[in-house]
């Protein structure tokens, strides 16, 4: 009787392991989708980014996802607001946010809105896409749309051609 139970466990364990083999690659593929195929110009922290740096939005992509930071030179109060829209669901977390800073992720998980009350340090977001093909980003400072020269993207700190602007996946 005991041998019969063990013989029955073999096929069950085999099916379970085979099922796990299909699940793991799919999960791994989903986890790596965000890291690949965004334009090279978006990769890396802008070289001019630092706490208390020039006022504006600093945006970059890395192997851990997307990053947005705001800062400005003085310790006076400046409010940064913005919106990030994706064609696939997003996940988001705040970075160095204080009591009056906020962000929301829409119910459909496609839109992040933020409002940071900044006093010269850093406020920001880290976010990931679920294999999105585009991100549309709009930034404002003190109630006015950010001038293009106040938005830095990627290591080279390139400026977009418009605000809002769209970043598309390269493949």
N, C-alpha and C. Protein backbone atom coordinates (compact mmCIF):
# COMPACT_ATOMS: atom_id res chain seq x y z
N UNK A 1 0.82 -1.19 0.00
CA UNK A 1 0.00 0.00 0.00
C UNK A 1 0.87 1.25 0.00
N UNK A 2 1.94 1.20 0.80
CA UNK A 2 2.81 2.36 0.90
C UNK A 2 3.51 2.65 -0.43
N UNK A 3 3.96 1.61 -1.14
CA UNK A 3 4.63 1.77 -2.42
C UNK A 3 3.67 2.33 -3.47
N UNK A 4 2.42 1.93 -3.37
CA UNK A 4 1.42 2.40 -4.32
C UNK A 4 1.23 3.91 -4.17
N UNK A 5 1.19 4.43 -2.92
CA UNK A 5 1.06 5.88 -2.68
C UNK A 5 2.26 6.63 -3.23
N UNK A 6 3.44 6.08 -3.02
CA UNK A 6 4.65 6.73 -3.53
C UNK A 6 4.66 6.76 -5.05
N UNK A 7 4.18 5.67 -5.70
CA UNK A 7 4.10 5.65 -7.17
C UNK A 7 3.14 6.72 -7.66
N UNK A 8 2.09 6.99 -6.94
CA UNK A 8 1.10 8.00 -7.33
C UNK A 8 1.66 9.41 -7.16
N UNK A 9 2.54 9.58 -6.17
CA UNK A 9 3.13 10.90 -5.95
C UNK A 9 4.07 11.32 -7.07
N UNK A 10 4.74 10.36 -7.68
CA UNK A 10 5.70 10.66 -8.76
C UNK A 10 5.07 11.49 -9.87
N UNK A 11 3.99 11.01 -10.52
CA UNK A 11 3.37 11.81 -11.58
C UNK A 11 2.82 13.15 -11.09
N UNK A 12 2.30 13.20 -9.89
CA UNK A 12 1.78 14.46 -9.34
C UNK A 12 2.90 15.46 -9.16
N UNK A 13 4.02 15.02 -8.56
CA UNK A 13 5.17 15.91 -8.39
C UNK A 13 5.72 16.35 -9.74
N UNK A 14 5.76 15.43 -10.70
CA UNK A 14 6.25 15.76 -12.04
C UNK A 14 5.41 16.84 -12.68
N UNK A 15 4.08 16.72 -12.59
CA UNK A 15 3.18 17.74 -13.13
C UNK A 15 3.36 19.08 -12.42
N UNK A 16 3.53 19.03 -11.11
CA UNK A 16 3.73 20.27 -10.35
C UNK A 16 5.01 20.97 -10.77
N UNK A 17 6.09 20.21 -10.94
CA UNK A 17 7.36 20.81 -11.36
C UNK A 17 7.28 21.34 -12.78
N UNK A 18 6.60 20.62 -13.67
CA UNK A 18 6.41 21.08 -15.04
C UNK A 18 5.62 22.38 -15.05
N UNK A 19 4.57 22.45 -14.24
CA UNK A 19 3.79 23.69 -14.13
C UNK A 19 4.63 24.83 -13.62
N UNK A 20 5.48 24.57 -12.65
CA UNK A 20 6.36 25.60 -12.10
C UNK A 20 7.33 26.08 -13.16
N UNK A 21 7.79 25.20 -14.04
CA UNK A 21 8.72 25.60 -15.10
C UNK A 21 8.06 26.61 -16.04
N UNK A 22 6.77 26.45 -16.29
CA UNK A 22 6.07 27.40 -17.15
C UNK A 22 5.79 28.71 -16.43
N UNK A 23 5.55 28.65 -15.15
CA UNK A 23 5.23 29.86 -14.39
C UNK A 23 6.47 30.73 -14.20
N UNK A 24 7.59 30.17 -13.85
CA UNK A 24 8.78 30.96 -13.55
C UNK A 24 9.23 31.79 -14.75
N UNK A 25 9.40 31.23 -15.97
CA UNK A 25 9.82 32.07 -17.07
C UNK A 25 8.84 33.20 -17.37
N UNK A 26 7.55 32.95 -17.27
CA UNK A 26 6.58 34.01 -17.54
C UNK A 26 6.73 35.12 -16.53
N UNK A 27 6.91 34.79 -15.26
CA UNK A 27 7.11 35.80 -14.22
C UNK A 27 8.40 36.55 -14.45
N UNK A 28 9.46 35.83 -14.78
CA UNK A 28 10.75 36.47 -15.04
C UNK A 28 10.65 37.40 -16.23
N UNK A 29 9.95 36.98 -17.29
CA UNK A 29 9.81 37.83 -18.47
C UNK A 29 9.05 39.10 -18.12
N UNK A 30 8.01 39.00 -17.32
CA UNK A 30 7.25 40.18 -16.93
C UNK A 30 8.11 41.12 -16.12
N UNK A 31 8.97 40.58 -15.27
CA UNK A 31 9.81 41.42 -14.42
C UNK A 31 10.87 42.14 -15.23
N UNK A 32 11.34 41.56 -16.34
CA UNK A 32 12.40 42.19 -17.12
C UNK A 32 11.88 43.09 -18.22
N UNK A 33 10.63 43.05 -18.52
CA UNK A 33 10.09 43.87 -19.61
C UNK A 33 10.38 45.35 -19.39
N UNK A 34 10.25 45.83 -18.17
CA UNK A 34 10.45 47.25 -17.90
C UNK A 34 11.89 47.70 -18.13
N UNK A 35 12.85 46.82 -17.93
CA UNK A 35 14.25 47.22 -18.01
C UNK A 35 14.74 47.38 -19.43
N UNK A 36 14.11 46.75 -20.38
CA UNK A 36 14.66 46.72 -21.73
C UNK A 36 13.93 47.65 -22.70
N UNK A 37 14.66 48.08 -23.68
CA UNK A 37 14.11 48.72 -24.87
C UNK A 37 13.53 50.12 -24.69
N UNK A 38 13.96 50.86 -23.71
CA UNK A 38 13.65 52.29 -23.65
C UNK A 38 14.81 53.00 -24.32
N UNK A 39 14.59 54.17 -24.88
CA UNK A 39 15.66 54.85 -25.61
C UNK A 39 16.94 55.00 -24.76
N UNK A 40 18.07 54.84 -25.42
CA UNK A 40 19.36 54.97 -24.73
C UNK A 40 19.49 56.34 -24.07
N UNK A 41 18.92 57.36 -24.67
CA UNK A 41 19.02 58.73 -24.13
C UNK A 41 18.33 58.88 -22.78
N UNK A 42 17.44 57.95 -22.42
CA UNK A 42 16.73 58.04 -21.13
C UNK A 42 17.48 57.35 -20.01
N UNK A 43 18.54 56.62 -20.34
CA UNK A 43 19.23 55.78 -19.35
C UNK A 43 20.19 56.61 -18.49
N UNK A 44 20.16 56.37 -17.20
CA UNK A 44 21.12 56.97 -16.28
C UNK A 44 20.68 58.29 -15.68
N UNK A 45 21.15 58.54 -14.47
CA UNK A 45 20.83 59.76 -13.72
C UNK A 45 21.43 60.97 -14.45
N UNK A 46 20.65 62.04 -14.65
CA UNK A 46 21.23 63.24 -15.27
C UNK A 46 22.46 63.71 -14.49
N UNK A 47 23.52 64.02 -15.20
CA UNK A 47 24.78 64.40 -14.54
C UNK A 47 24.63 65.66 -13.68
N UNK A 48 23.71 66.54 -14.04
CA UNK A 48 23.55 67.79 -13.28
C UNK A 48 22.57 67.66 -12.11
N UNK A 49 22.02 66.46 -11.88
CA UNK A 49 21.07 66.26 -10.79
C UNK A 49 21.78 66.23 -9.44
N UNK A 50 21.28 67.04 -8.51
CA UNK A 50 21.73 67.00 -7.12
C UNK A 50 20.69 67.71 -6.27
N UNK A 51 20.62 67.35 -5.02
CA UNK A 51 19.72 68.02 -4.09
C UNK A 51 20.09 69.50 -4.04
N UNK A 52 19.11 70.36 -4.19
CA UNK A 52 19.37 71.80 -4.21
C UNK A 52 19.91 72.29 -5.55
N UNK A 53 19.78 71.48 -6.59
CA UNK A 53 20.24 71.86 -7.92
C UNK A 53 19.26 72.79 -8.60
N UNK A 54 19.48 73.02 -9.89
CA UNK A 54 18.58 73.88 -10.66
C UNK A 54 17.15 73.35 -10.56
N UNK A 55 16.21 74.27 -10.44
CA UNK A 55 14.81 73.91 -10.26
C UNK A 55 14.26 73.19 -11.48
N UNK A 56 13.56 72.09 -11.24
CA UNK A 56 12.90 71.38 -12.32
C UNK A 56 12.72 69.91 -12.05
N UNK A 57 12.39 69.21 -13.13
CA UNK A 57 12.17 67.76 -13.09
C UNK A 57 13.37 67.05 -13.69
N UNK A 58 13.83 66.03 -13.00
CA UNK A 58 14.93 65.17 -13.46
C UNK A 58 14.34 63.78 -13.64
N UNK A 59 14.46 63.23 -14.84
CA UNK A 59 13.79 61.97 -15.17
C UNK A 59 14.81 61.03 -15.81
N UNK A 60 14.81 59.77 -15.37
CA UNK A 60 15.69 58.79 -15.99
C UNK A 60 15.17 57.39 -15.80
N UNK A 61 15.73 56.50 -16.58
CA UNK A 61 15.41 55.09 -16.51
C UNK A 61 16.67 54.33 -16.08
N UNK A 62 16.49 53.26 -15.34
CA UNK A 62 17.60 52.39 -14.94
C UNK A 62 17.09 50.96 -14.92
N UNK A 63 17.94 50.03 -14.50
CA UNK A 63 17.50 48.65 -14.45
C UNK A 63 16.47 48.39 -13.35
N UNK A 64 16.19 49.39 -12.52
CA UNK A 64 15.14 49.25 -11.50
C UNK A 64 13.87 50.00 -11.87
N UNK A 65 13.79 50.55 -13.07
CA UNK A 65 12.59 51.24 -13.52
C UNK A 65 12.85 52.71 -13.80
N UNK A 66 11.78 53.49 -13.70
CA UNK A 66 11.81 54.94 -13.98
C UNK A 66 11.93 55.72 -12.67
N UNK A 67 12.52 56.91 -12.77
CA UNK A 67 12.74 57.76 -11.61
C UNK A 67 12.43 59.20 -12.00
N UNK A 68 11.72 59.91 -11.13
CA UNK A 68 11.46 61.33 -11.29
C UNK A 68 11.84 62.02 -9.99
N UNK A 69 12.62 63.08 -10.09
CA UNK A 69 13.00 63.85 -8.91
C UNK A 69 12.78 65.33 -9.20
N UNK A 70 12.39 66.06 -8.16
CA UNK A 70 12.27 67.51 -8.25
C UNK A 70 13.14 68.13 -7.17
N UNK A 71 13.66 69.31 -7.45
CA UNK A 71 14.46 70.05 -6.48
C UNK A 71 14.55 71.49 -6.96
N UNK A 72 15.11 72.36 -6.14
CA UNK A 72 15.44 73.73 -6.56
C UNK A 72 16.50 74.29 -5.63
N UNK A 73 17.09 75.43 -6.03
CA UNK A 73 18.29 75.95 -5.38
C UNK A 73 18.07 76.48 -3.97
N UNK A 74 17.03 77.24 -3.74
CA UNK A 74 16.85 77.88 -2.44
C UNK A 74 16.05 77.01 -1.49
N UNK A 75 15.90 77.47 -0.25
CA UNK A 75 15.09 76.74 0.72
C UNK A 75 13.67 77.31 0.79
N UNK A 76 13.31 78.16 -0.16
CA UNK A 76 11.94 78.69 -0.21
C UNK A 76 10.99 77.61 -0.71
N UNK A 77 9.71 77.85 -0.51
CA UNK A 77 8.67 76.87 -0.88
C UNK A 77 8.36 76.97 -2.37
N UNK A 78 8.50 75.87 -3.08
CA UNK A 78 8.11 75.78 -4.49
C UNK A 78 7.30 74.50 -4.66
N UNK A 79 6.16 74.62 -5.33
CA UNK A 79 5.28 73.46 -5.55
C UNK A 79 5.48 72.92 -6.96
N UNK A 80 5.81 71.64 -7.03
CA UNK A 80 5.93 70.92 -8.30
C UNK A 80 4.73 70.01 -8.44
N UNK A 81 4.12 70.00 -9.61
CA UNK A 81 3.01 69.10 -9.89
C UNK A 81 3.25 68.44 -11.23
N UNK A 82 2.59 67.34 -11.45
CA UNK A 82 2.74 66.69 -12.74
C UNK A 82 1.87 65.47 -12.88
N UNK A 83 2.01 64.89 -14.06
CA UNK A 83 1.20 63.74 -14.42
C UNK A 83 2.00 62.83 -15.34
N UNK A 84 1.92 61.55 -15.08
CA UNK A 84 2.58 60.55 -15.90
C UNK A 84 1.50 59.57 -16.34
N UNK A 85 1.37 59.39 -17.66
CA UNK A 85 0.34 58.51 -18.20
C UNK A 85 1.02 57.41 -19.01
N UNK A 86 0.60 56.18 -18.77
CA UNK A 86 1.15 55.00 -19.45
C UNK A 86 0.03 54.28 -20.19
N UNK A 87 0.41 53.53 -21.20
CA UNK A 87 -0.60 52.73 -21.90
C UNK A 87 -0.73 51.33 -21.30
N UNK A 88 0.04 51.05 -20.25
CA UNK A 88 -0.06 49.80 -19.49
C UNK A 88 0.03 50.14 -18.00
N UNK A 89 -0.42 49.27 -17.12
CA UNK A 89 -0.43 49.58 -15.68
C UNK A 89 0.94 49.94 -15.11
N UNK A 90 0.91 50.81 -14.12
CA UNK A 90 2.10 51.30 -13.42
C UNK A 90 2.08 50.87 -11.96
N UNK A 91 3.25 50.79 -11.37
CA UNK A 91 3.39 50.72 -9.92
C UNK A 91 4.27 51.90 -9.53
N UNK A 92 4.08 52.44 -8.33
CA UNK A 92 4.80 53.66 -7.95
C UNK A 92 5.08 53.68 -6.46
N UNK A 93 6.19 54.32 -6.09
CA UNK A 93 6.50 54.56 -4.69
C UNK A 93 7.12 55.95 -4.57
N UNK A 94 6.89 56.59 -3.44
CA UNK A 94 7.43 57.92 -3.18
C UNK A 94 8.87 57.86 -2.69
N UNK A 95 9.61 58.94 -2.95
CA UNK A 95 11.01 59.04 -2.53
C UNK A 95 11.19 60.36 -1.78
N UNK A 96 11.59 60.27 -0.52
CA UNK A 96 11.89 61.42 0.33
C UNK A 96 10.73 62.42 0.41
N UNK A 97 9.52 61.91 0.50
CA UNK A 97 8.34 62.77 0.58
C UNK A 97 8.08 63.16 2.02
N UNK A 98 7.61 64.40 2.21
CA UNK A 98 7.23 64.89 3.53
C UNK A 98 5.71 65.00 3.60
N UNK A 99 5.22 65.48 4.73
CA UNK A 99 3.78 65.52 5.01
C UNK A 99 2.90 66.19 3.98
N UNK A 100 3.35 67.25 3.34
CA UNK A 100 2.50 67.95 2.38
C UNK A 100 2.69 67.47 0.94
N UNK A 101 3.55 66.48 0.74
CA UNK A 101 3.75 65.91 -0.60
C UNK A 101 2.76 64.78 -0.81
N UNK A 102 2.34 64.60 -2.06
CA UNK A 102 1.39 63.52 -2.34
C UNK A 102 1.52 63.04 -3.77
N UNK A 103 1.07 61.82 -3.98
CA UNK A 103 0.92 61.27 -5.33
C UNK A 103 -0.24 60.30 -5.29
N UNK A 104 -0.86 60.10 -6.45
CA UNK A 104 -1.94 59.13 -6.56
C UNK A 104 -1.74 58.31 -7.83
N UNK A 105 -2.18 57.09 -7.76
CA UNK A 105 -2.22 56.20 -8.91
C UNK A 105 -3.68 55.95 -9.20
N UNK A 106 -4.09 56.22 -10.44
CA UNK A 106 -5.50 56.09 -10.80
C UNK A 106 -5.98 54.65 -10.61
N UNK A 107 -7.29 54.48 -10.52
CA UNK A 107 -7.89 53.16 -10.30
C UNK A 107 -7.49 52.17 -11.39
N UNK A 108 -7.34 52.64 -12.64
CA UNK A 108 -6.94 51.75 -13.72
C UNK A 108 -5.42 51.57 -13.79
N UNK A 109 -4.69 52.23 -12.88
CA UNK A 109 -3.23 52.14 -12.74
C UNK A 109 -2.47 52.67 -13.95
N UNK A 110 -3.10 53.53 -14.76
CA UNK A 110 -2.45 54.08 -15.94
C UNK A 110 -1.94 55.50 -15.75
N UNK A 111 -2.36 56.17 -14.67
CA UNK A 111 -1.99 57.57 -14.49
C UNK A 111 -1.50 57.84 -13.07
N UNK A 112 -0.34 58.47 -12.99
CA UNK A 112 0.20 58.95 -11.71
C UNK A 112 0.09 60.47 -11.73
N UNK A 113 -0.48 61.04 -10.68
CA UNK A 113 -0.44 62.49 -10.51
C UNK A 113 0.32 62.77 -9.22
N UNK A 114 1.08 63.88 -9.22
CA UNK A 114 1.86 64.19 -8.03
C UNK A 114 1.82 65.68 -7.73
N UNK A 115 2.03 65.98 -6.46
CA UNK A 115 2.14 67.36 -5.97
C UNK A 115 3.17 67.34 -4.84
N UNK A 116 4.30 68.00 -5.09
CA UNK A 116 5.38 68.05 -4.10
C UNK A 116 5.60 69.48 -3.67
N UNK A 117 5.56 69.72 -2.38
CA UNK A 117 5.91 71.03 -1.82
C UNK A 117 7.39 70.92 -1.44
N UNK A 118 8.23 71.58 -2.23
CA UNK A 118 9.67 71.38 -2.13
C UNK A 118 10.33 72.60 -1.50
N UNK A 119 11.28 72.35 -0.61
CA UNK A 119 12.03 73.41 0.06
C UNK A 119 13.52 73.33 -0.27
N UNK A 120 13.84 72.87 -1.48
CA UNK A 120 15.21 72.83 -1.93
C UNK A 120 15.89 71.49 -1.83
N UNK A 121 15.27 70.55 -1.16
CA UNK A 121 15.83 69.21 -1.11
C UNK A 121 15.26 68.39 -2.28
N UNK A 122 15.05 67.14 -2.08
CA UNK A 122 14.57 66.26 -3.15
C UNK A 122 13.22 65.67 -2.78
N UNK A 123 12.32 65.66 -3.74
CA UNK A 123 11.06 64.92 -3.67
C UNK A 123 10.99 64.12 -4.95
N UNK A 124 10.40 62.93 -4.90
CA UNK A 124 10.36 62.18 -6.14
C UNK A 124 9.54 60.92 -6.11
N UNK A 125 9.61 60.23 -7.23
CA UNK A 125 8.89 58.98 -7.44
C UNK A 125 9.80 57.96 -8.11
N UNK A 126 9.60 56.72 -7.78
CA UNK A 126 10.14 55.59 -8.53
C UNK A 126 8.93 54.86 -9.07
N UNK A 127 8.94 54.54 -10.36
CA UNK A 127 7.79 53.83 -10.92
C UNK A 127 8.24 52.85 -11.99
N UNK A 128 7.38 51.87 -12.19
CA UNK A 128 7.64 50.81 -13.18
C UNK A 128 6.41 50.66 -14.05
N UNK A 129 6.64 50.19 -15.25
CA UNK A 129 5.54 49.93 -16.17
C UNK A 129 5.37 48.43 -16.32
N UNK A 130 4.19 48.04 -16.75
CA UNK A 130 3.94 46.63 -17.08
C UNK A 130 4.05 46.50 -18.59
N UNK A 131 5.26 46.64 -19.11
CA UNK A 131 5.53 46.51 -20.54
C UNK A 131 4.83 47.58 -21.38
N UNK A 132 4.77 48.80 -20.86
CA UNK A 132 4.17 49.91 -21.60
C UNK A 132 4.97 50.20 -22.87
N UNK A 133 4.30 50.73 -23.89
CA UNK A 133 5.02 51.15 -25.09
C UNK A 133 5.27 52.65 -25.07
N UNK A 134 4.49 53.40 -24.27
CA UNK A 134 4.70 54.85 -24.18
C UNK A 134 4.45 55.37 -22.77
N UNK A 135 5.14 56.46 -22.47
CA UNK A 135 4.90 57.23 -21.26
C UNK A 135 4.72 58.68 -21.68
N UNK A 136 3.68 59.31 -21.20
CA UNK A 136 3.46 60.73 -21.46
C UNK A 136 3.64 61.46 -20.14
N UNK A 137 4.52 62.46 -20.13
CA UNK A 137 4.90 63.14 -18.89
C UNK A 137 4.67 64.63 -19.03
N UNK A 138 4.07 65.22 -18.00
CA UNK A 138 3.83 66.66 -17.96
C UNK A 138 4.28 67.16 -16.59
N UNK A 139 5.05 68.24 -16.57
CA UNK A 139 5.52 68.79 -15.31
C UNK A 139 5.24 70.27 -15.20
N UNK A 140 4.94 70.72 -13.98
CA UNK A 140 4.69 72.13 -13.70
C UNK A 140 5.42 72.53 -12.43
N UNK A 141 5.72 73.82 -12.34
CA UNK A 141 6.38 74.38 -11.16
C UNK A 141 5.71 75.70 -10.85
N UNK A 142 5.31 75.87 -9.60
CA UNK A 142 4.64 77.10 -9.16
C UNK A 142 3.43 77.44 -10.03
N UNK A 143 2.68 76.41 -10.43
CA UNK A 143 1.45 76.61 -11.18
C UNK A 143 1.64 76.86 -12.66
N UNK A 144 2.86 76.88 -13.15
CA UNK A 144 3.15 77.12 -14.56
C UNK A 144 3.81 75.88 -15.16
N UNK A 145 3.49 75.61 -16.43
CA UNK A 145 4.13 74.50 -17.12
C UNK A 145 5.64 74.71 -17.10
N UNK A 146 6.40 73.67 -16.76
CA UNK A 146 7.85 73.78 -16.73
C UNK A 146 8.39 74.14 -18.11
N UNK A 147 9.29 75.13 -18.18
CA UNK A 147 9.97 75.39 -19.45
C UNK A 147 10.79 74.16 -19.83
N UNK A 148 11.01 73.95 -21.11
CA UNK A 148 11.73 72.77 -21.58
C UNK A 148 13.13 72.66 -20.99
N UNK A 149 13.78 73.80 -20.75
CA UNK A 149 15.11 73.82 -20.17
C UNK A 149 15.14 73.46 -18.70
N UNK A 150 13.98 73.23 -18.09
CA UNK A 150 13.89 72.83 -16.68
C UNK A 150 13.49 71.36 -16.53
N UNK A 151 13.57 70.62 -17.63
CA UNK A 151 13.31 69.18 -17.62
C UNK A 151 14.56 68.51 -18.18
N UNK A 152 15.15 67.63 -17.38
CA UNK A 152 16.36 66.91 -17.78
C UNK A 152 16.05 65.43 -17.84
N UNK A 153 16.42 64.80 -18.97
CA UNK A 153 16.13 63.37 -19.17
C UNK A 153 17.42 62.62 -19.42
N UNK A 154 17.62 61.54 -18.68
CA UNK A 154 18.76 60.66 -18.89
C UNK A 154 20.09 61.29 -18.51
N UNK A 155 21.13 60.49 -18.59
CA UNK A 155 22.47 60.88 -18.17
C UNK A 155 22.93 62.20 -18.80
N UNK A 156 22.65 62.40 -20.07
CA UNK A 156 23.07 63.62 -20.77
C UNK A 156 22.20 64.82 -20.42
N UNK A 157 21.09 64.59 -19.72
CA UNK A 157 20.22 65.69 -19.33
C UNK A 157 19.57 66.38 -20.51
N UNK A 158 19.16 65.58 -21.51
CA UNK A 158 18.52 66.20 -22.68
C UNK A 158 17.18 66.80 -22.29
N UNK A 159 16.76 67.81 -23.03
CA UNK A 159 15.48 68.47 -22.79
C UNK A 159 14.47 67.96 -23.81
N UNK A 160 13.24 67.77 -23.42
CA UNK A 160 12.23 67.33 -24.38
C UNK A 160 11.91 68.46 -25.37
N UNK A 161 11.20 68.12 -26.43
CA UNK A 161 10.82 69.11 -27.43
C UNK A 161 9.50 69.80 -27.09
N UNK A 162 8.79 69.26 -26.09
CA UNK A 162 7.52 69.86 -25.66
C UNK A 162 7.25 69.45 -24.23
N UNK A 163 6.29 70.09 -23.61
CA UNK A 163 5.80 69.73 -22.28
C UNK A 163 4.29 69.89 -22.32
N UNK A 164 3.55 68.79 -22.31
CA UNK A 164 3.95 67.41 -22.05
C UNK A 164 4.74 66.81 -23.21
N UNK A 165 5.44 65.70 -22.91
CA UNK A 165 6.21 64.99 -23.91
C UNK A 165 5.97 63.49 -23.75
N UNK A 166 6.27 62.75 -24.80
CA UNK A 166 6.05 61.31 -24.81
C UNK A 166 7.38 60.60 -25.04
N UNK A 167 7.62 59.56 -24.26
CA UNK A 167 8.78 58.69 -24.45
C UNK A 167 8.24 57.35 -24.91
N UNK A 168 8.75 56.87 -26.03
CA UNK A 168 8.30 55.58 -26.57
C UNK A 168 9.35 54.51 -26.44
N UNK A 169 8.92 53.31 -26.18
CA UNK A 169 9.81 52.17 -26.13
C UNK A 169 10.40 51.95 -27.52
N UNK A 170 11.66 51.55 -27.59
CA UNK A 170 12.32 51.40 -28.88
C UNK A 170 11.98 50.10 -29.58
N UNK A 171 11.50 49.10 -28.87
CA UNK A 171 11.07 47.86 -29.53
C UNK A 171 10.24 47.04 -28.59
